[in-house]
Amino acid sequence: MAVVAERAFTSRSTLQRVEAGDTNVSIGIYAGVLHALGLLDGLSQIADISNDSVGQALASAELPKRVHLKRPAGSSRDG
């Protein structure tokens, strides 16, 4: 535990809080611990939008249903 705390640039007590799942520990500390354990790539997967189907559905719902092209002034529809 002391080696992981040292490699994560944090104290043993903070590392214990991370292990306990303390939500008051900053994301930077979690990133440091993941880096020390060789698991930092997993953090990028959490933030990857392609893994967030609910977020994608919500974003799609906010898109306009139809888009109308603006025509230049003075042009007619018949050509």
PDB file of N, CA and C in Angstrom:
ATOM      1  N   MET A   1       0.822  -1.193   0.000  1.00  0.00           N
ATOM      2  CA  MET A   1       0.000   0.000   0.000  1.00  0.00           C
ATOM      3  C   MET A   1       0.868   1.259   0.000  1.00  0.00           C
ATOM      4  N   ALA A   2       1.963   1.231   0.717  1.00  0.00           N
ATOM      5  CA  ALA A   2       2.839   2.400   0.790  1.00  0.00           C
ATOM      6  C   ALA A   2       3.456   2.707  -0.570  1.00  0.00           C
ATOM      7  N   VAL A   3       3.778   1.666  -1.335  1.00  0.00           N
ATOM      8  CA  VAL A   3       4.379   1.862  -2.657  1.00  0.00           C
ATOM      9  C   VAL A   3       3.378   2.507  -3.603  1.00  0.00           C
ATOM     10  N   VAL A   4       2.130   2.043  -3.582  1.00  0.00           N
ATOM     11  CA  VAL A   4       1.088   2.620  -4.444  1.00  0.00           C
ATOM     12  C   VAL A   4       0.847   4.072  -4.063  1.00  0.00           C
ATOM     13  N   ALA A   5       0.774   4.359  -2.778  1.00  0.00           N
ATOM     14  CA  ALA A   5       0.569   5.741  -2.325  1.00  0.00           C
ATOM     15  C   ALA A   5       1.721   6.630  -2.786  1.00  0.00           C
ATOM     16  N   GLU A   6       2.948   6.128  -2.680  1.00  0.00           N
ATOM     17  CA  GLU A   6       4.111   6.914  -3.109  1.00  0.00           C
ATOM     18  C   GLU A   6       4.079   7.159  -4.615  1.00  0.00           C
ATOM     19  N   ARG A   7       3.766   6.137  -5.389  1.00  0.00           N
ATOM     20  CA  ARG A   7       3.710   6.284  -6.852  1.00  0.00           C
ATOM     21  C   ARG A   7       2.556   7.177  -7.294  1.00  0.00           C
ATOM     22  N   ALA A   8       1.501   7.235  -6.493  1.00  0.00           N
ATOM     23  CA  ALA A   8       0.347   8.079  -6.811  1.00  0.00           C
ATOM     24  C   ALA A   8       0.510   9.488  -6.246  1.00  0.00           C
ATOM     25  N   PHE A   9       1.644   9.742  -5.589  1.00  0.00           N
ATOM     26  CA  PHE A   9       1.926  11.053  -4.986  1.00  0.00           C
ATOM     27  C   PHE A   9       0.835  11.464  -3.998  1.00  0.00           C
ATOM     28  N   THR A  10       0.447  10.518  -3.151  1.00  0.00           N
ATOM     29  CA  THR A  10      -0.578  10.792  -2.146  1.00  0.00           C
ATOM     30  C   THR A  10      -0.202  10.087  -0.847  1.00  0.00           C
ATOM     31  N   SER A  11      -0.957  10.349   0.185  1.00  0.00           N
ATOM     32  CA  SER A  11      -0.678   9.731   1.481  1.00  0.00           C
ATOM     33  C   SER A  11      -1.382   8.379   1.591  1.00  0.00           C
ATOM     34  N   ARG A  12      -0.930   7.589   2.550  1.00  0.00           N
ATOM     35  CA  ARG A  12      -1.570   6.286   2.773  1.00  0.00           C
ATOM     36  C   ARG A  12      -3.008   6.464   3.236  1.00  0.00           C
ATOM     37  N   SER A  13      -3.261   7.503   4.033  1.00  0.00           N
ATOM     38  CA  SER A  13      -4.635   7.709   4.512  1.00  0.00           C
ATOM     39  C   SER A  13      -5.565   8.076   3.356  1.00  0.00           C
ATOM     40  N   THR A  14      -5.068   8.866   2.398  1.00  0.00           N
ATOM     41  CA  THR A  14      -5.893   9.196   1.229  1.00  0.00           C
ATOM     42  C   THR A  14      -6.115   7.956   0.381  1.00  0.00           C
ATOM     43  N   LEU A  15      -5.089   7.122   0.247  1.00  0.00           N
ATOM     44  CA  LEU A  15      -5.244   5.873  -0.498  1.00  0.00           C
ATOM     45  C   LEU A  15      -6.287   4.977   0.167  1.00  0.00           C
ATOM     46  N   GLN A  16      -6.316   4.954   1.487  1.00  0.00           N
ATOM     47  CA  GLN A  16      -7.340   4.186   2.201  1.00  0.00           C
ATOM     48  C   GLN A  16      -8.731   4.739   1.908  1.00  0.00           C
ATOM     49  N   ARG A  17      -8.838   6.060   1.801  1.00  0.00           N
ATOM     50  CA  ARG A  17     -10.127   6.668   1.456  1.00  0.00           C
ATOM     51  C   ARG A  17     -10.543   6.279   0.047  1.00  0.00           C
ATOM     52  N   VAL A  18      -9.575   6.210  -0.878  1.00  0.00           N
ATOM     53  CA  VAL A  18      -9.863   5.767  -2.250  1.00  0.00           C
ATOM     54  C   VAL A  18     -10.370   4.332  -2.226  1.00  0.00           C
ATOM     55  N   GLU A  19      -9.692   3.471  -1.491  1.00  0.00           N
ATOM     56  CA  GLU A  19     -10.094   2.069  -1.395  1.00  0.00           C
ATOM     57  C   GLU A  19     -11.486   1.919  -0.799  1.00  0.00           C
ATOM     58  N   ALA A  20     -11.849   2.831   0.087  1.00  0.00           N
ATOM     59  CA  ALA A  20     -13.170   2.784   0.719  1.00  0.00           C
ATOM     60  C   ALA A  20     -14.252   3.397  -0.157  1.00  0.00           C
ATOM     61  N   GLY A  21     -13.848   4.027  -1.275  1.00  0.00           N
ATOM     62  CA  GLY A  21     -14.829   4.631  -2.176  1.00  0.00           C
ATOM     63  C   GLY A  21     -15.304   5.998  -1.729  1.00  0.00           C
ATOM     64  N   ASP A  22     -14.492   6.693  -0.963  1.00  0.00           N
ATOM     65  CA  ASP A  22     -14.851   8.029  -0.472  1.00  0.00           C
ATOM     66  C   ASP A  22     -15.060   8.983  -1.651  1.00  0.00           C
ATOM     67  N   THR A  23     -16.266   9.531  -1.767  1.00  0.00           N
ATOM     68  CA  THR A  23     -16.595  10.420  -2.886  1.00  0.00           C
ATOM     69  C   THR A  23     -16.011  11.821  -2.719  1.00  0.00           C
ATOM     70  N   ASN A  24     -15.434  12.121  -1.564  1.00  0.00           N
ATOM     71  CA  ASN A  24     -14.816  13.429  -1.349  1.00  0.00           C
ATOM     72  C   ASN A  24     -13.372  13.489  -1.843  1.00  0.00           C
ATOM     73  N   VAL A  25     -12.843  12.360  -2.287  1.00  0.00           N
ATOM     74  CA  VAL A  25     -11.490  12.333  -2.843  1.00  0.00           C
ATOM     75  C   VAL A  25     -11.566  12.840  -4.277  1.00  0.00           C
ATOM     76  N   SER A  26     -10.630  13.704  -4.661  1.00  0.00           N
ATOM     77  CA  SER A  26     -10.682  14.317  -5.990  1.00  0.00           C
ATOM     78  C   SER A  26     -10.387  13.299  -7.089  1.00  0.00           C
ATOM     79  N   ILE A  27     -10.890  13.606  -8.279  1.00  0.00           N
ATOM     80  CA  ILE A  27     -10.672  12.735  -9.433  1.00  0.00           C
ATOM     81  C   ILE A  27      -9.186  12.659  -9.771  1.00  0.00           C
ATOM     82  N   GLY A  28      -8.446  13.709  -9.459  1.00  0.00           N
ATOM     83  CA  GLY A  28      -7.005  13.698  -9.699  1.00  0.00           C
ATOM     84  C   GLY A  28      -6.287  12.640  -8.876  1.00  0.00           C
ATOM     85  N   ILE A  29      -6.734  12.459  -7.640  1.00  0.00           N
ATOM     86  CA  ILE A  29      -6.147  11.420  -6.790  1.00  0.00           C
ATOM     87  C   ILE A  29      -6.481  10.048  -7.362  1.00  0.00           C
ATOM     88  N   TYR A  30      -7.739   9.860  -7.765  1.00  0.00           N
ATOM     89  CA  TYR A  30      -8.128   8.586  -8.380  1.00  0.00           C
ATOM     90  C   TYR A  30      -7.296   8.321  -9.632  1.00  0.00           C
ATOM     91  N   ALA A  31      -7.063   9.352 -10.440  1.00  0.00           N
ATOM     92  CA  ALA A  31      -6.257   9.195 -11.651  1.00  0.00           C
ATOM     93  C   ALA A  31      -4.824   8.811 -11.292  1.00  0.00           C
ATOM     94  N   GLY A  32      -4.284   9.421 -10.249  1.00  0.00           N
ATOM     95  CA  GLY A  32      -2.936   9.078  -9.808  1.00  0.00           C
ATOM     96  C   GLY A  32      -2.826   7.638  -9.346  1.00  0.00           C
ATOM     97  N   VAL A  33      -3.826   7.177  -8.626  1.00  0.00           N
ATOM     98  CA  VAL A  33      -3.833   5.788  -8.157  1.00  0.00           C
ATOM     99  C   VAL A  33      -3.971   4.833  -9.341  1.00  0.00           C
ATOM    100  N   LEU A  34      -4.867   5.151 -10.271  1.00  0.00           N
ATOM    101  CA  LEU A  34      -5.010   4.309 -11.463  1.00  0.00           C
ATOM    102  C   LEU A  34      -3.706   4.251 -12.249  1.00  0.00           C
ATOM    103  N   HIS A  35      -3.025   5.389 -12.352  1.00  0.00           N
ATOM    104  CA  HIS A  35      -1.737   5.429 -13.049  1.00  0.00           C
ATOM    105  C   HIS A  35      -0.708   4.556 -12.327  1.00  0.00           C
ATOM    106  N   ALA A  36      -0.670   4.649 -11.014  1.00  0.00           N
ATOM    107  CA  ALA A  36       0.275   3.860 -10.228  1.00  0.00           C
ATOM    108  C   ALA A  36       0.024   2.364 -10.383  1.00  0.00           C
ATOM    109  N   LEU A  37      -1.226   1.994 -10.606  1.00  0.00           N
ATOM    110  CA  LEU A  37      -1.581   0.581 -10.774  1.00  0.00           C
ATOM    111  C   LEU A  37      -1.552   0.130 -12.229  1.00  0.00           C
ATOM    112  N   GLY A  38      -1.245   1.051 -13.147  1.00  0.00           N
ATOM    113  CA  GLY A  38      -1.216   0.705 -14.567  1.00  0.00           C
ATOM    114  C   GLY A  38      -2.591   0.573 -15.182  1.00  0.00           C
ATOM    115  N   LEU A  39      -3.574   1.243 -14.597  1.00  0.00           N
ATOM    116  CA  LEU A  39      -4.963   1.135 -15.059  1.00  0.00           C
ATOM    117  C   LEU A  39      -5.527   2.454 -15.569  1.00  0.00           C
ATOM    118  N   LEU A  40      -4.680   3.398 -15.904  1.00  0.00           N
ATOM    119  CA  LEU A  40      -5.153   4.731 -16.291  1.00  0.00           C
ATOM    120  C   LEU A  40      -5.993   4.708 -17.563  1.00  0.00           C
ATOM    121  N   ASP A  41      -5.757   3.759 -18.469  1.00  0.00           N
ATOM    122  CA  ASP A  41      -6.551   3.682 -19.701  1.00  0.00           C
ATOM    123  C   ASP A  41      -8.036   3.482 -19.409  1.00  0.00           C
ATOM    124  N   GLY A  42      -8.362   2.850 -18.309  1.00  0.00           N
ATOM    125  CA  GLY A  42      -9.759   2.647 -17.939  1.00  0.00           C
ATOM    126  C   GLY A  42     -10.489   3.943 -17.668  1.00  0.00           C
ATOM    127  N   LEU A  43      -9.765   4.967 -17.230  1.00  0.00           N
ATOM    128  CA  LEU A  43     -10.387   6.258 -16.949  1.00  0.00           C
ATOM    129  C   LEU A  43     -10.898   6.910 -18.225  1.00  0.00           C
ATOM    130  N   SER A  44     -10.169   6.771 -19.312  1.00  0.00           N
ATOM    131  CA  SER A  44     -10.619   7.364 -20.578  1.00  0.00           C
ATOM    132  C   SER A  44     -11.870   6.670 -21.100  1.00  0.00           C
ATOM    133  N   GLN A  45     -12.041   5.402 -20.788  1.00  0.00           N
ATOM    134  CA  GLN A  45     -13.240   4.683 -21.218  1.00  0.00           C
ATOM    135  C   GLN A  45     -14.481   5.199 -20.503  1.00  0.00           C
ATOM    136  N   ILE A  46     -14.312   5.654 -19.282  1.00  0.00           N
ATOM    137  CA  ILE A  46     -15.446   6.198 -18.528  1.00  0.00           C
ATOM    138  C   ILE A  46     -15.968   7.460 -19.199  1.00  0.00           C
ATOM    139  N   ALA A  47     -15.058   8.298 -19.685  1.00  0.00           N
ATOM    140  CA  ALA A  47     -15.442   9.578 -20.279  1.00  0.00           C
ATOM    141  C   ALA A  47     -15.747   9.484 -21.768  1.00  0.00           C
ATOM    142  N   ASP A  48     -15.633   8.303 -22.359  1.00  0.00           N
ATOM    143  CA  ASP A  48     -15.852   8.139 -23.797  1.00  0.00           C
ATOM    144  C   ASP A  48     -17.342   8.193 -24.113  1.00  0.00           C
ATOM    145  N   ILE A  49     -17.731   9.144 -24.966  1.00  0.00           N
ATOM    146  CA  ILE A  49     -19.145   9.336 -25.295  1.00  0.00           C
ATOM    147  C   ILE A  49     -19.743   8.125 -26.011  1.00  0.00           C
ATOM    148  N   SER A  50     -18.923   7.343 -26.683  1.00  0.00           N
ATOM    149  CA  SER A  50     -19.461   6.174 -27.385  1.00  0.00           C
ATOM    150  C   SER A  50     -19.966   5.113 -26.411  1.00  0.00           C
ATOM    151  N   ASN A  51     -19.575   5.201 -25.145  1.00  0.00           N
ATOM    152  CA  ASN A  51     -20.062   4.272 -24.121  1.00  0.00           C
ATOM    153  C   ASN A  51     -21.301   4.787 -23.399  1.00  0.00           C
ATOM    154  N   ASP A  52     -21.787   5.961 -23.774  1.00  0.00           N
ATOM    155  CA  ASP A  52     -22.902   6.603 -23.072  1.00  0.00           C
ATOM    156  C   ASP A  52     -24.147   6.623 -23.955  1.00  0.00           C
ATOM    157  N   SER A  53     -24.852   5.501 -24.012  1.00  0.00           N
ATOM    158  CA  SER A  53     -26.033   5.421 -24.877  1.00  0.00           C
ATOM    159  C   SER A  53     -27.155   6.338 -24.390  1.00  0.00           C
ATOM    160  N   VAL A  54     -27.297   6.511 -23.092  1.00  0.00           N
ATOM    161  CA  VAL A  54     -28.335   7.395 -22.562  1.00  0.00           C
ATOM    162  C   VAL A  54     -28.027   8.843 -22.937  1.00  0.00           C
ATOM    163  N   GLY A  55     -26.789   9.258 -22.778  1.00  0.00           N
ATOM    164  CA  GLY A  55     -26.395  10.616 -23.148  1.00  0.00           C
ATOM    165  C   GLY A  55     -26.577  10.878 -24.628  1.00  0.00           C
ATOM    166  N   GLN A  56     -26.262   9.888 -25.452  1.00  0.00           N
ATOM    167  CA  GLN A  56     -26.452  10.036 -26.895  1.00  0.00           C
ATOM    168  C   GLN A  56     -27.929  10.165 -27.236  1.00  0.00           C
ATOM    169  N   ALA A  57     -28.785   9.399 -26.572  1.00  0.00           N
ATOM    170  CA  ALA A  57     -30.226   9.481 -26.826  1.00  0.00           C
ATOM    171  C   ALA A  57     -30.765  10.846 -26.418  1.00  0.00           C
ATOM    172  N   LEU A  58     -30.316  11.364 -25.283  1.00  0.00           N
ATOM    173  CA  LEU A  58     -30.764  12.682 -24.835  1.00  0.00           C
ATOM    174  C   LEU A  58     -30.299  13.770 -25.794  1.00  0.00           C
ATOM    175  N   ALA A  59     -29.069  13.671 -26.271  1.00  0.00           N
ATOM    176  CA  ALA A  59     -28.554  14.663 -27.216  1.00  0.00           C
ATOM    177  C   ALA A  59     -29.305  14.596 -28.540  1.00  0.00           C
ATOM    178  N   SER A  60     -29.630  13.401 -28.996  1.00  0.00           N
ATOM    179  CA  SER A  60     -30.373  13.245 -30.250  1.00  0.00           C
ATOM    180  C   SER A  60     -31.782  13.804 -30.130  1.00  0.00           C
ATOM    181  N   ALA A  61     -32.378  13.676 -28.960  1.00  0.00           N
ATOM    182  CA  ALA A  61     -33.735  14.175 -28.753  1.00  0.00           C
ATOM    183  C   ALA A  61     -33.787  15.697 -28.835  1.00  0.00           C
ATOM    184  N   GLU A  62     -32.674  16.357 -28.561  1.00  0.00           N
ATOM    185  CA  GLU A  62     -32.635  17.819 -28.602  1.00  0.00           C
ATOM    186  C   GLU A  62     -32.353  18.370 -29.992  1.00  0.00           C
ATOM    187  N   LEU A  63     -31.992  17.510 -30.930  1.00  0.00           N
ATOM    188  CA  LEU A  63     -31.720  17.977 -32.289  1.00  0.00           C
ATOM    189  C   LEU A  63     -33.019  18.386 -32.968  1.00  0.00           C
ATOM    190  N   PRO A  64     -32.972  19.381 -33.859  1.00  0.00           N
ATOM    191  CA  PRO A  64     -34.196  19.770 -34.570  1.00  0.00           C
ATOM    192  C   PRO A  64     -34.661  18.631 -35.475  1.00  0.00           C
ATOM    193  N   LYS A  65     -35.977  18.511 -35.607  1.00  0.00           N
ATOM    194  CA  LYS A  65     -36.545  17.436 -36.423  1.00  0.00           C
ATOM    195  C   LYS A  65     -36.380  17.719 -37.908  1.00  0.00           C
ATOM    196  N   ARG A  66     -36.508  18.974 -38.294  1.00  0.00           N
ATOM    197  CA  ARG A  66     -36.353  19.370 -39.689  1.00  0.00           C
ATOM    198  C   ARG A  66     -35.469  20.604 -39.753  1.00  0.00           C
ATOM    199  N   VAL A  67     -34.736  20.680 -40.816  1.00  0.00           N
ATOM    200  CA  VAL A  67     -33.891  21.843 -41.041  1.00  0.00           C
ATOM    201  C   VAL A  67     -34.316  22.464 -42.356  1.00  0.00           C
ATOM    202  N   HIS A  68     -34.645  23.753 -42.338  1.00  0.00           N
ATOM    203  CA  HIS A  68     -35.052  24.473 -43.542  1.00  0.00           C
ATOM    204  C   HIS A  68     -33.871  25.283 -44.049  1.00  0.00           C
ATOM    205  N   LEU A  69     -33.566  25.112 -45.322  1.00  0.00           N
ATOM    206  CA  LEU A  69     -32.483  25.874 -45.926  1.00  0.00           C
ATOM    207  C   LEU A  69     -32.945  27.291 -46.195  1.00  0.00           C
ATOM    208  N   LYS A  70     -32.092  28.240 -45.894  1.00  0.00           N
ATOM    209  CA  LYS A  70     -32.419  29.635 -46.183  1.00  0.00           C
ATOM    210  C   LYS A  70     -32.069  29.911 -47.635  1.00  0.00           C
ATOM    211  N   ARG A  71     -32.988  30.539 -48.335  1.00  0.00           N
ATOM    212  CA  ARG A  71     -32.752  30.884 -49.737  1.00  0.00           C
ATOM    213  C   ARG A  71     -32.256  32.321 -49.809  1.00  0.00           C
ATOM    214  N   PRO A  72     -31.393  32.593 -50.762  1.00  0.00           N
ATOM    215  CA  PRO A  72     -30.917  33.973 -50.920  1.00  0.00           C
ATOM    216  C   PRO A  72     -32.071  34.910 -51.262  1.00  0.00           C
ATOM    217  N   ALA A  73     -31.979  36.139 -50.806  1.00  0.00           N
ATOM    218  CA  ALA A  73     -33.030  37.125 -51.087  1.00  0.00           C
ATOM    219  C   ALA A  73     -33.160  37.330 -52.589  1.00  0.00           C
ATOM    220  N   GLY A  74     -34.385  37.393 -53.073  1.00  0.00           N
ATOM    221  CA  GLY A  74     -34.647  37.651 -54.483  1.00  0.00           C
ATOM    222  C   GLY A  74     -34.734  36.402 -55.338  1.00  0.00           C
ATOM    223  N   SER A  75     -34.431  35.241 -54.799  1.00  0.00           N
ATOM    224  CA  SER A  75     -34.534  34.032 -55.623  1.00  0.00           C
ATOM    225  C   SER A  75     -35.947  33.478 -55.528  1.00  0.00           C
ATOM    226  N   SER A  76     -36.361  32.839 -56.579  1.00  0.00           N
ATOM    227  CA  SER A  76     -37.709  32.265 -56.593  1.00  0.00           C
ATOM    228  C   SER A  76     -37.608  30.754 -56.439  1.00  0.00           C
ATOM    229  N   ARG A  77     -38.697  30.147 -56.033  1.00  0.00           N
ATOM    230  CA  ARG A  77     -38.716  28.703 -55.856  1.00  0.00           C
ATOM    231  C   ARG A  77     -38.762  27.968 -57.190  1.00  0.00           C
ATOM    232  N   ASP A  78     -39.314  28.616 -58.220  1.00  0.00           N
ATOM    233  CA  ASP A  78     -39.486  27.949 -59.506  1.00  0.00           C
ATOM    234  C   ASP A  78     -38.209  27.964 -60.336  1.00  0.00           C
ATOM    235  N   GLY A  79     -37.234  28.755 -59.952  1.00  0.00           N
ATOM    236  CA  GLY A  79     -35.973  28.736 -60.661  1.00  0.00           C
ATOM    237  C   GLY A  79     -35.884  29.823 -61.614  1.00  0.00           C
TER     238      GLY A  79
END
